[in-house]
Amino acid sequence: MTETYWTNQMEGFGMATAVSGAVTQSIGAYYEAKAAQLQFKSKASSLRFQQQMSEINASVAREDAGSILKAGHHAKATMTMRAGMEMARQLSRQGARGITIGEGSAAEAMASDELIKDIDAYTIDSNALRQAQARETQALNLETQGLMQGVSAQNLMASAGSISPGAAFGTSLIGGASRVAGDIGNIMRYRYGS
């Protein structure tokens, strides 16, 4: 066998390897694009789940705010009722001792008790309102967070949709084919001269 035979065999083997490499590279490009697409979709799915959890937590925070206000109203009603009952007892005791009700130190004591009752009622209202507002603010923050997660999920899905594994395969295959064609051209120039 001549040297030309082996040269031709090696050139043929080289071409087959180059073609095989181009096809393999194109398949790799396809699956790389497919993996990127699936990664975007996975992240979008995760963000959608986080969005739903944020919405649920916002709803819970809003319900808590309403419960806090109701508990505050209940505590205020209980406190004012107890204070009213205590003031009525004091009036009864004062009357039983023969103290003139509504005059002098008895009137001052009643006014002082009334003022303490009003301050306690205000404190209960203020604390309940402050706690409810904190929960409402938390709900608003969670809703905003959920909206941002939803927007991010949509953007990731759009990015996933912009990836075309088929186009990556085709582009890579065309690039590989042009390299193989260049190699064939080099072989032909070597064999037959410039």
N, C-alpha and C. Protein backbone atom coordinates (compact mmCIF):
# COMPACT_ATOMS: atom_id res chain seq x y z
N MET A 1 0.85 -1.18 0.00
CA MET A 1 0.00 0.00 0.00
C MET A 1 0.88 1.22 0.00
N THR A 2 0.41 2.14 -0.76
CA THR A 2 1.21 3.34 -0.96
C THR A 2 0.92 4.38 0.10
N GLU A 3 1.81 5.33 0.09
CA GLU A 3 1.66 6.44 1.04
C GLU A 3 0.41 7.22 0.73
N THR A 4 0.04 7.34 -0.52
CA THR A 4 -1.16 8.07 -0.92
C THR A 4 -2.40 7.40 -0.35
N TYR A 5 -2.39 6.05 -0.40
CA TYR A 5 -3.53 5.32 0.15
C TYR A 5 -3.73 5.67 1.62
N TRP A 6 -2.62 5.60 2.39
CA TRP A 6 -2.74 5.90 3.83
C TRP A 6 -3.08 7.36 4.06
N THR A 7 -2.59 8.22 3.25
CA THR A 7 -2.92 9.65 3.38
C THR A 7 -4.41 9.84 3.13
N ASN A 8 -4.91 9.17 2.09
CA ASN A 8 -6.35 9.28 1.78
C ASN A 8 -7.19 8.69 2.91
N GLN A 9 -6.73 7.56 3.45
CA GLN A 9 -7.47 6.94 4.56
C GLN A 9 -7.49 7.87 5.78
N MET A 10 -6.37 8.47 6.09
CA MET A 10 -6.29 9.37 7.24
C MET A 10 -7.13 10.64 7.01
N GLU A 11 -7.10 11.12 5.78
CA GLU A 11 -7.91 12.29 5.47
C GLU A 11 -9.40 11.96 5.61
N GLY A 12 -9.78 10.78 5.13
CA GLY A 12 -11.17 10.34 5.27
C GLY A 12 -11.56 10.18 6.72
N PHE A 13 -10.65 9.55 7.49
CA PHE A 13 -10.91 9.40 8.93
C PHE A 13 -11.00 10.76 9.61
N GLY A 14 -10.13 11.68 9.23
CA GLY A 14 -10.15 13.04 9.79
C GLY A 14 -11.46 13.75 9.47
N MET A 15 -11.93 13.57 8.22
CA MET A 15 -13.20 14.20 7.82
C MET A 15 -14.37 13.60 8.58
N ALA A 16 -14.36 12.29 8.73
CA ALA A 16 -15.44 11.62 9.47
C ALA A 16 -15.44 12.09 10.93
N THR A 17 -14.25 12.23 11.49
CA THR A 17 -14.14 12.70 12.87
C THR A 17 -14.62 14.14 12.97
N ALA A 18 -14.26 14.96 12.02
CA ALA A 18 -14.68 16.37 12.02
C ALA A 18 -16.20 16.48 11.91
N VAL A 19 -16.79 15.68 11.00
CA VAL A 19 -18.24 15.69 10.84
C VAL A 19 -18.91 15.19 12.12
N SER A 20 -18.39 14.11 12.67
CA SER A 20 -18.93 13.57 13.91
C SER A 20 -18.81 14.60 15.04
N GLY A 21 -17.69 15.29 15.11
CA GLY A 21 -17.48 16.33 16.13
C GLY A 21 -18.47 17.47 15.96
N ALA A 22 -18.72 17.86 14.72
CA ALA A 22 -19.66 18.96 14.46
C ALA A 22 -21.07 18.58 14.88
N VAL A 23 -21.46 17.33 14.58
CA VAL A 23 -22.79 16.85 14.96
C VAL A 23 -22.90 16.75 16.48
N THR A 24 -21.86 16.20 17.10
CA THR A 24 -21.86 16.07 18.57
C THR A 24 -21.92 17.45 19.23
N GLN A 25 -21.15 18.38 18.71
CA GLN A 25 -21.17 19.75 19.25
C GLN A 25 -22.56 20.37 19.08
N SER A 26 -23.20 20.11 17.97
CA SER A 26 -24.54 20.65 17.73
C SER A 26 -25.55 20.04 18.70
N ILE A 27 -25.43 18.76 18.94
CA ILE A 27 -26.31 18.10 19.91
C ILE A 27 -26.07 18.68 21.30
N GLY A 28 -24.80 18.91 21.64
CA GLY A 28 -24.47 19.54 22.92
C GLY A 28 -25.07 20.93 23.04
N ALA A 29 -25.02 21.70 21.95
CA ALA A 29 -25.59 23.05 21.96
C ALA A 29 -27.11 22.99 22.18
N TYR A 30 -27.75 21.99 21.56
CA TYR A 30 -29.19 21.81 21.73
C TYR A 30 -29.52 21.58 23.20
N TYR A 31 -28.81 20.62 23.82
CA TYR A 31 -29.13 20.28 25.21
C TYR A 31 -28.69 21.37 26.19
N GLU A 32 -27.67 22.10 25.84
CA GLU A 32 -27.26 23.23 26.68
C GLU A 32 -28.36 24.30 26.67
N ALA A 33 -28.89 24.59 25.49
CA ALA A 33 -29.99 25.56 25.39
C ALA A 33 -31.23 25.04 26.10
N LYS A 34 -31.51 23.75 25.95
CA LYS A 34 -32.67 23.15 26.61
C LYS A 34 -32.51 23.24 28.13
N ALA A 35 -31.30 22.99 28.64
CA ALA A 35 -31.04 23.07 30.08
C ALA A 35 -31.23 24.50 30.58
N ALA A 36 -30.76 25.48 29.82
CA ALA A 36 -30.93 26.89 30.21
C ALA A 36 -32.42 27.25 30.24
N GLN A 37 -33.14 26.77 29.25
CA GLN A 37 -34.59 27.01 29.18
C GLN A 37 -35.29 26.40 30.40
N LEU A 38 -34.95 25.17 30.73
CA LEU A 38 -35.56 24.50 31.89
C LEU A 38 -35.17 25.17 33.20
N GLN A 39 -33.95 25.68 33.27
CA GLN A 39 -33.51 26.37 34.48
C GLN A 39 -34.34 27.64 34.69
N PHE A 40 -34.57 28.39 33.62
CA PHE A 40 -35.41 29.60 33.73
C PHE A 40 -36.82 29.23 34.17
N LYS A 41 -37.36 28.17 33.58
CA LYS A 41 -38.71 27.74 33.94
C LYS A 41 -38.78 27.29 35.39
N SER A 42 -37.75 26.60 35.85
CA SER A 42 -37.70 26.14 37.24
C SER A 42 -37.66 27.33 38.21
N LYS A 43 -36.82 28.32 37.90
CA LYS A 43 -36.75 29.51 38.75
C LYS A 43 -38.08 30.26 38.74
N ALA A 44 -38.72 30.31 37.58
CA ALA A 44 -40.02 30.98 37.49
C ALA A 44 -41.05 30.26 38.33
N SER A 45 -41.03 28.94 38.30
CA SER A 45 -41.96 28.15 39.10
C SER A 45 -41.73 28.39 40.59
N SER A 46 -40.49 28.44 40.99
CA SER A 46 -40.15 28.72 42.38
C SER A 46 -40.65 30.10 42.80
N LEU A 47 -40.46 31.09 41.94
CA LEU A 47 -40.93 32.44 42.24
C LEU A 47 -42.45 32.50 42.31
N ARG A 48 -43.13 31.75 41.47
CA ARG A 48 -44.60 31.72 41.53
C ARG A 48 -45.06 31.13 42.86
N PHE A 49 -44.38 30.08 43.32
CA PHE A 49 -44.70 29.50 44.62
C PHE A 49 -44.47 30.53 45.72
N GLN A 50 -43.34 31.22 45.67
CA GLN A 50 -43.06 32.25 46.68
C GLN A 50 -44.10 33.36 46.62
N GLN A 51 -44.55 33.69 45.43
CA GLN A 51 -45.59 34.70 45.27
C GLN A 51 -46.88 34.25 45.97
N GLN A 52 -47.26 33.01 45.74
CA GLN A 52 -48.47 32.49 46.38
C GLN A 52 -48.34 32.48 47.90
N MET A 53 -47.17 32.10 48.40
CA MET A 53 -46.95 32.11 49.85
C MET A 53 -47.01 33.53 50.40
N SER A 54 -46.46 34.49 49.67
CA SER A 54 -46.53 35.89 50.10
C SER A 54 -47.97 36.37 50.16
N GLU A 55 -48.78 35.97 49.17
CA GLU A 55 -50.19 36.35 49.16
C GLU A 55 -50.94 35.73 50.34
N ILE A 56 -50.64 34.47 50.63
CA ILE A 56 -51.29 33.80 51.77
C ILE A 56 -50.88 34.49 53.07
N ASN A 57 -49.59 34.76 53.22
CA ASN A 57 -49.11 35.42 54.44
C ASN A 57 -49.68 36.83 54.58
N ALA A 58 -49.87 37.54 53.47
CA ALA A 58 -50.49 38.86 53.52
C ALA A 58 -51.93 38.75 54.00
N SER A 59 -52.64 37.74 53.51
CA SER A 59 -54.03 37.53 53.93
C SER A 59 -54.10 37.22 55.43
N VAL A 60 -53.17 36.39 55.91
CA VAL A 60 -53.13 36.06 57.33
C VAL A 60 -52.84 37.31 58.16
N ALA A 61 -51.91 38.14 57.68
CA ALA A 61 -51.57 39.37 58.41
C ALA A 61 -52.78 40.30 58.47
N ARG A 62 -53.55 40.38 57.38
CA ARG A 62 -54.76 41.23 57.38
C ARG A 62 -55.78 40.69 58.37
N GLU A 63 -55.95 39.37 58.40
CA GLU A 63 -56.89 38.78 59.36
C GLU A 63 -56.43 39.04 60.79
N ASP A 64 -55.11 38.95 61.01
CA ASP A 64 -54.56 39.24 62.34
C ASP A 64 -54.86 40.68 62.74
N ALA A 65 -54.72 41.60 61.79
CA ALA A 65 -54.99 43.01 62.09
C ALA A 65 -56.43 43.18 62.54
N GLY A 66 -57.36 42.55 61.85
CA GLY A 66 -58.77 42.63 62.25
C GLY A 66 -59.00 42.01 63.61
N SER A 67 -58.35 40.88 63.89
CA SER A 67 -58.48 40.22 65.19
C SER A 67 -57.91 41.09 66.31
N ILE A 68 -56.80 41.73 66.03
CA ILE A 68 -56.19 42.62 67.03
C ILE A 68 -57.14 43.76 67.38
N LEU A 69 -57.76 44.35 66.36
CA LEU A 69 -58.71 45.44 66.62
C LEU A 69 -59.92 44.95 67.42
N LYS A 70 -60.44 43.79 67.05
CA LYS A 70 -61.58 43.23 67.80
C LYS A 70 -61.20 42.94 69.24
N ALA A 71 -60.00 42.37 69.45
CA ALA A 71 -59.53 42.08 70.81
C ALA A 71 -59.37 43.38 71.59
N GLY A 72 -58.88 44.42 70.93
CA GLY A 72 -58.74 45.73 71.58
C GLY A 72 -60.09 46.29 72.00
N HIS A 73 -61.08 46.19 71.12
CA HIS A 73 -62.44 46.67 71.46
C HIS A 73 -63.01 45.87 72.63
N HIS A 74 -62.77 44.57 72.61
CA HIS A 74 -63.26 43.72 73.69
C HIS A 74 -62.57 44.08 75.01
N ALA A 75 -61.25 44.26 74.97
CA ALA A 75 -60.50 44.62 76.19
C ALA A 75 -60.96 45.97 76.73
N LYS A 76 -61.21 46.91 75.82
CA LYS A 76 -61.67 48.23 76.24
C LYS A 76 -63.05 48.13 76.87
N ALA A 77 -63.94 47.36 76.26
CA ALA A 77 -65.29 47.21 76.82
C ALA A 77 -65.24 46.55 78.19
N THR A 78 -64.41 45.51 78.33
CA THR A 78 -64.26 44.82 79.62
C THR A 78 -63.72 45.78 80.68
N MET A 79 -62.68 46.53 80.32
CA MET A 79 -62.07 47.46 81.27
C MET A 79 -63.04 48.56 81.68
N THR A 80 -63.76 49.14 80.73
CA THR A 80 -64.69 50.22 81.09
C THR A 80 -65.86 49.70 81.91
N MET A 81 -66.29 48.47 81.63
CA MET A 81 -67.36 47.88 82.42
C MET A 81 -66.89 47.65 83.85
N ARG A 82 -65.70 47.13 84.03
CA ARG A 82 -65.16 46.92 85.38
C ARG A 82 -64.98 48.24 86.11
N ALA A 83 -64.46 49.22 85.38
CA ALA A 83 -64.26 50.54 86.00
C ALA A 83 -65.61 51.14 86.40
N GLY A 84 -66.61 50.99 85.55
CA GLY A 84 -67.95 51.51 85.89
C GLY A 84 -68.53 50.81 87.10
N MET A 85 -68.33 49.49 87.17
CA MET A 85 -68.83 48.74 88.33
C MET A 85 -68.09 49.17 89.61
N GLU A 86 -66.81 49.39 89.51
CA GLU A 86 -66.04 49.83 90.69
C GLU A 86 -66.48 51.21 91.13
N MET A 87 -66.73 52.10 90.16
CA MET A 87 -67.20 53.44 90.53
C MET A 87 -68.59 53.36 91.17
N ALA A 88 -69.43 52.49 90.70
CA ALA A 88 -70.76 52.31 91.30
C ALA A 88 -70.62 51.79 92.73
N ARG A 89 -69.69 50.88 92.96
CA ARG A 89 -69.46 50.38 94.33
C ARG A 89 -68.98 51.50 95.24
N GLN A 90 -68.08 52.31 94.70
CA GLN A 90 -67.58 53.42 95.52
C GLN A 90 -68.72 54.38 95.89
N LEU A 91 -69.58 54.63 94.91
CA LEU A 91 -70.73 55.51 95.20
C LEU A 91 -71.63 54.90 96.26
N SER A 92 -71.83 53.59 96.17
CA SER A 92 -72.66 52.90 97.16
C SER A 92 -72.02 52.98 98.54
N ARG A 93 -70.72 52.76 98.61
CA ARG A 93 -70.02 52.82 99.90
C ARG A 93 -70.06 54.23 100.48
N GLN A 94 -69.86 55.20 99.57
CA GLN A 94 -69.90 56.58 100.05
C GLN A 94 -71.29 56.94 100.57
N GLY A 95 -72.29 56.51 99.85
CA GLY A 95 -73.67 56.77 100.27
C GLY A 95 -73.99 56.08 101.58
N ALA A 96 -73.48 54.85 101.74
CA ALA A 96 -73.73 54.09 102.98
C ALA A 96 -73.04 54.74 104.17
N ARG A 97 -71.93 55.45 103.94
CA ARG A 97 -71.23 56.12 105.02
C ARG A 97 -71.79 57.52 105.28
N GLY A 98 -72.70 57.90 104.45
CA GLY A 98 -73.31 59.21 104.63
C GLY A 98 -72.53 60.34 103.97
N ILE A 99 -71.64 60.00 103.07
CA ILE A 99 -70.86 61.02 102.36
C ILE A 99 -71.75 61.59 101.26
N THR A 100 -71.72 62.90 101.11
CA THR A 100 -72.50 63.56 100.06
C THR A 100 -71.83 63.27 98.74
N ILE A 101 -72.58 62.61 97.87
CA ILE A 101 -72.04 62.17 96.58
C ILE A 101 -72.05 63.37 95.62
N GLY A 102 -70.92 63.51 94.90
CA GLY A 102 -70.84 64.56 93.88
C GLY A 102 -70.33 65.87 94.42
N GLU A 103 -69.86 65.92 95.67
CA GLU A 103 -69.35 67.16 96.22
C GLU A 103 -68.01 66.92 96.89
N GLY A 104 -67.14 67.94 96.89
CA GLY A 104 -65.88 67.91 97.61
C GLY A 104 -64.95 66.80 97.14
N SER A 105 -64.29 66.16 98.12
CA SER A 105 -63.30 65.13 97.81
C SER A 105 -63.94 63.91 97.16
N ALA A 106 -65.20 63.63 97.48
CA ALA A 106 -65.88 62.51 96.83
C ALA A 106 -66.01 62.75 95.33
N ALA A 107 -66.33 63.99 94.94
CA ALA A 107 -66.44 64.34 93.52
C ALA A 107 -65.08 64.28 92.85
N GLU A 108 -64.04 64.71 93.57
CA GLU A 108 -62.69 64.68 93.02
C GLU A 108 -62.24 63.23 92.83
N ALA A 109 -62.54 62.38 93.78
CA ALA A 109 -62.17 60.97 93.66
C ALA A 109 -62.87 60.34 92.47
N MET A 110 -64.15 60.66 92.27
CA MET A 110 -64.89 60.12 91.11
C MET A 110 -64.32 60.65 89.80
N ALA A 111 -63.97 61.95 89.77
CA ALA A 111 -63.40 62.54 88.57
C ALA A 111 -62.05 61.91 88.26
N SER A 112 -61.26 61.65 89.32
CA SER A 112 -59.96 61.00 89.14
C SER A 112 -60.14 59.59 88.59
N ASP A 113 -61.09 58.83 89.14
CA ASP A 113 -61.36 57.48 88.65
C ASP A 113 -61.83 57.51 87.19
N GLU A 114 -62.65 58.46 86.85
CA GLU A 114 -63.15 58.62 85.48
C GLU A 114 -61.98 58.91 84.52
N LEU A 115 -61.07 59.79 84.97
CA LEU A 115 -59.91 60.14 84.15
C LEU A 115 -59.02 58.91 83.93
N ILE A 116 -58.77 58.15 85.00
CA ILE A 116 -57.95 56.92 84.88
C ILE A 116 -58.61 55.95 83.91
N LYS A 117 -59.94 55.80 84.00
CA LYS A 117 -60.67 54.91 83.09
C LYS A 117 -60.49 55.37 81.65
N ASP A 118 -60.60 56.67 81.40
CA ASP A 118 -60.45 57.20 80.04
C ASP A 118 -59.02 57.01 79.51
N ILE A 119 -58.02 57.21 80.38
CA ILE A 119 -56.62 57.02 79.96
C ILE A 119 -56.38 55.55 79.63
N ASP A 120 -56.89 54.64 80.48
CA ASP A 120 -56.72 53.21 80.21
C ASP A 120 -57.41 52.81 78.91
N ALA A 121 -58.60 53.37 78.66
CA ALA A 121 -59.32 53.07 77.41
C ALA A 121 -58.53 53.58 76.21
N TYR A 122 -57.98 54.77 76.33
CA TYR A 122 -57.18 55.34 75.24
C TYR A 122 -55.94 54.46 74.99
N THR A 123 -55.28 54.02 76.06
CA THR A 123 -54.09 53.18 75.94
C THR A 123 -54.43 51.86 75.23
N ILE A 124 -55.53 51.26 75.60
CA ILE A 124 -55.94 50.01 74.94
C ILE A 124 -56.20 50.25 73.46
N ASP A 125 -56.96 51.32 73.15
CA ASP A 125 -57.24 51.65 71.74
C ASP A 125 -55.95 51.91 70.98
N SER A 126 -55.05 52.69 71.58
CA SER A 126 -53.80 53.07 70.92
C SER A 126 -52.93 51.83 70.66
N ASN A 127 -52.79 50.97 71.66
CA ASN A 127 -51.98 49.76 71.48
C ASN A 127 -52.56 48.84 70.41
N ALA A 128 -53.87 48.65 70.45
CA ALA A 128 -54.52 47.78 69.46
C ALA A 128 -54.35 48.36 68.05
N LEU A 129 -54.54 49.66 67.93
CA LEU A 129 -54.40 50.30 66.62
C LEU A 129 -52.96 50.19 66.11
N ARG A 130 -52.00 50.42 66.97
CA ARG A 130 -50.59 50.34 66.57
C ARG A 130 -50.25 48.91 66.12
N GLN A 131 -50.69 47.92 66.86
CA GLN A 131 -50.42 46.52 66.49
C GLN A 131 -51.12 46.15 65.17
N ALA A 132 -52.36 46.60 65.03
CA ALA A 132 -53.11 46.31 63.79
C ALA A 132 -52.45 46.99 62.60
N GLN A 133 -51.99 48.23 62.78
CA GLN A 133 -51.31 48.92 61.68
C GLN A 133 -50.01 48.23 61.31
N ALA A 134 -49.30 47.71 62.31
CA ALA A 134 -48.06 46.97 62.01
C ALA A 134 -48.37 45.74 61.17
N ARG A 135 -49.44 45.03 61.47
CA ARG A 135 -49.82 43.85 60.69
C ARG A 135 -50.30 44.26 59.29
N GLU A 136 -51.02 45.38 59.20
CA GLU A 136 -51.45 45.88 57.87
C GLU A 136 -50.24 46.25 57.02
N THR A 137 -49.25 46.88 57.65
CA THR A 137 -48.02 47.24 56.93
C THR A 137 -47.31 45.98 56.46
N GLN A 138 -47.26 44.98 57.33
CA GLN A 138 -46.64 43.71 56.96
C GLN A 138 -47.40 43.08 55.78
N ALA A 139 -48.73 43.15 55.82
CA ALA A 139 -49.54 42.61 54.72
C ALA A 139 -49.22 43.33 53.41
N LEU A 140 -49.11 44.65 53.48
CA LEU A 140 -48.80 45.44 52.28
C LEU A 140 -47.42 45.09 51.75
N ASN A 141 -46.45 44.94 52.64
CA ASN A 141 -45.10 44.56 52.21
C ASN A 141 -45.11 43.18 51.56
N LEU A 142 -45.86 42.26 52.13
CA LEU A 142 -45.94 40.91 51.56
C LEU A 142 -46.62 40.92 50.19
N GLU A 143 -47.65 41.73 50.05
CA GLU A 143 -48.32 41.83 48.74
C GLU A 143 -47.38 42.41 47.70
N THR A 144 -46.62 43.45 48.09
CA THR A 144 -45.66 44.05 47.16
C THR A 144 -44.59 43.03 46.78
N GLN A 145 -44.10 42.30 47.77
CA GLN A 145 -43.12 41.25 47.52
C GLN A 145 -43.69 40.21 46.57
N GLY A 146 -44.94 39.83 46.77
CA GLY A 146 -45.59 38.87 45.88
C GLY A 146 -45.70 39.38 44.46
N LEU A 147 -46.04 40.65 44.32
CA LEU A 147 -46.12 41.24 42.98
C LEU A 147 -44.77 41.21 42.28
N MET A 148 -43.72 41.56 43.03
CA MET A 148 -42.38 41.56 42.45
C MET A 148 -41.95 40.13 42.06
N GLN A 149 -42.32 39.17 42.87
CA GLN A 149 -42.00 37.78 42.55
C GLN A 149 -42.75 37.35 41.29
N GLY A 150 -44.00 37.80 41.16
CA GLY A 150 -44.78 37.47 39.96
C GLY A 150 -44.17 38.07 38.71
N VAL A 151 -43.72 39.33 38.81
CA VAL A 151 -43.08 39.99 37.66
C VAL A 151 -41.79 39.26 37.29
N SER A 152 -41.01 38.91 38.30
CA SER A 152 -39.76 38.18 38.04
C SER A 152 -40.05 36.84 37.37
N ALA A 153 -41.09 36.15 37.84
CA ALA A 153 -41.46 34.86 37.24
C ALA A 153 -41.84 35.04 35.77
N GLN A 154 -42.61 36.10 35.47
CA GLN A 154 -42.99 36.35 34.08
C GLN A 154 -41.75 36.64 33.22
N ASN A 155 -40.82 37.42 33.79
CA ASN A 155 -39.59 37.73 33.03
C ASN A 155 -38.78 36.47 32.77
N LEU A 156 -38.69 35.59 33.75
CA LEU A 156 -37.95 34.35 33.56
C LEU A 156 -38.63 33.46 32.51
N MET A 157 -39.96 33.42 32.53
CA MET A 157 -40.67 32.62 31.52
C MET A 157 -40.45 33.22 30.12
N ALA A 158 -40.42 34.55 30.05
CA ALA A 158 -40.15 35.19 28.75
C ALA A 158 -38.73 34.84 28.28
N SER A 159 -37.79 34.84 29.23
CA SER A 159 -36.41 34.47 28.87
C SER A 159 -36.36 33.01 28.40
N ALA A 160 -37.08 32.14 29.09
CA ALA A 160 -37.12 30.73 28.69
C ALA A 160 -37.72 30.60 27.29
N GLY A 161 -38.76 31.40 27.01
CA GLY A 161 -39.39 31.34 25.69
C GLY A 161 -38.51 31.87 24.58
N SER A 162 -37.55 32.73 24.94
CA SER A 162 -36.68 33.30 23.91
C SER A 162 -35.54 32.35 23.52
N ILE A 163 -35.36 31.29 24.30
CA ILE A 163 -34.31 30.32 23.99
C ILE A 163 -34.88 29.24 23.06
N SER A 164 -34.19 29.02 21.96
CA SER A 164 -34.63 27.99 21.01
C SER A 164 -33.55 26.92 20.89
N PRO A 165 -33.78 25.77 21.53
CA PRO A 165 -32.78 24.70 21.40
C PRO A 165 -32.56 24.29 19.94
N GLY A 166 -33.62 24.30 19.14
CA GLY A 166 -33.49 23.94 17.73
C GLY A 166 -32.60 24.92 16.98
N ALA A 167 -32.76 26.21 17.30
CA ALA A 167 -31.92 27.22 16.64
C ALA A 167 -30.47 27.06 17.08
N ALA A 168 -30.25 26.74 18.37
CA ALA A 168 -28.89 26.52 18.85
C ALA A 168 -28.26 25.34 18.12
N PHE A 169 -29.05 24.29 17.94
CA PHE A 169 -28.57 23.10 17.22
C PHE A 169 -28.21 23.48 15.79
N GLY A 170 -29.13 24.18 15.11
CA GLY A 170 -28.91 24.54 13.71
C GLY A 170 -27.71 25.47 13.53
N THR A 171 -27.59 26.46 14.39
CA THR A 171 -26.48 27.40 14.30
C THR A 171 -25.15 26.68 14.52
N SER A 172 -25.13 25.81 15.53
CA SER A 172 -23.90 25.06 15.80
C SER A 172 -23.58 24.12 14.64
N LEU A 173 -24.60 23.50 14.07
CA LEU A 173 -24.38 22.57 12.95
C LEU A 173 -23.85 23.31 11.73
N ILE A 174 -24.41 24.50 11.49
CA ILE A 174 -23.93 25.30 10.34
C ILE A 174 -22.49 25.72 10.56
N GLY A 175 -22.18 26.14 11.82
CA GLY A 175 -20.79 26.50 12.12
C GLY A 175 -19.86 25.32 11.94
N GLY A 176 -20.29 24.15 12.40
CA GLY A 176 -19.48 22.93 12.25
C GLY A 176 -19.32 22.56 10.79
N ALA A 177 -20.39 22.70 10.03
CA ALA A 177 -20.32 22.36 8.60
C ALA A 177 -19.37 23.29 7.87
N SER A 178 -19.37 24.56 8.26
CA SER A 178 -18.46 25.50 7.58
C SER A 178 -17.01 25.18 7.93
N ARG A 179 -16.76 24.72 9.19
CA ARG A 179 -15.39 24.32 9.55
C ARG A 179 -14.98 23.08 8.75
N VAL A 180 -15.90 22.11 8.62
CA VAL A 180 -15.60 20.90 7.85
C VAL A 180 -15.35 21.26 6.38
N ALA A 181 -16.17 22.15 5.85
CA ALA A 181 -15.98 22.58 4.45
C ALA A 181 -14.63 23.26 4.29
N GLY A 182 -14.24 24.07 5.28
CA GLY A 182 -12.92 24.71 5.22
C GLY A 182 -11.81 23.67 5.25
N ASP A 183 -12.00 22.63 6.10
CA ASP A 183 -11.00 21.56 6.16
C ASP A 183 -10.91 20.83 4.81
N ILE A 184 -12.06 20.58 4.17
CA ILE A 184 -12.07 19.92 2.85
C ILE A 184 -11.34 20.79 1.83
N GLY A 185 -11.62 22.10 1.93
CA GLY A 185 -10.93 23.03 1.02
C GLY A 185 -9.43 23.00 1.22
N ASN A 186 -9.00 22.93 2.48
CA ASN A 186 -7.55 22.87 2.76
C ASN A 186 -6.95 21.57 2.20
N ILE A 187 -7.70 20.47 2.36
CA ILE A 187 -7.21 19.18 1.85
C ILE A 187 -7.11 19.24 0.32
N MET A 188 -8.11 19.80 -0.31
CA MET A 188 -8.11 19.88 -1.77
C MET A 188 -6.97 20.76 -2.26
N ARG A 189 -6.73 21.86 -1.56
CA ARG A 189 -5.61 22.72 -1.98
C ARG A 189 -4.27 22.00 -1.78
N TYR A 190 -4.19 21.24 -0.69
CA TYR A 190 -2.95 20.50 -0.44
C TYR A 190 -2.73 19.44 -1.51
N ARG A 191 -3.81 18.73 -1.85
CA ARG A 191 -3.68 17.67 -2.86
C ARG A 191 -3.41 18.19 -4.25
N TYR A 192 -4.17 19.20 -4.61
CA TYR A 192 -4.14 19.62 -6.02
C TYR A 192 -3.43 20.95 -6.22
N GLY A 193 -2.87 21.48 -5.17
CA GLY A 193 -2.13 22.73 -5.29
C GLY A 193 -3.04 23.93 -5.11
N SER A 194 -2.47 25.06 -4.92
CA SER A 194 -3.22 26.28 -4.63
C SER A 194 -4.10 26.65 -5.75
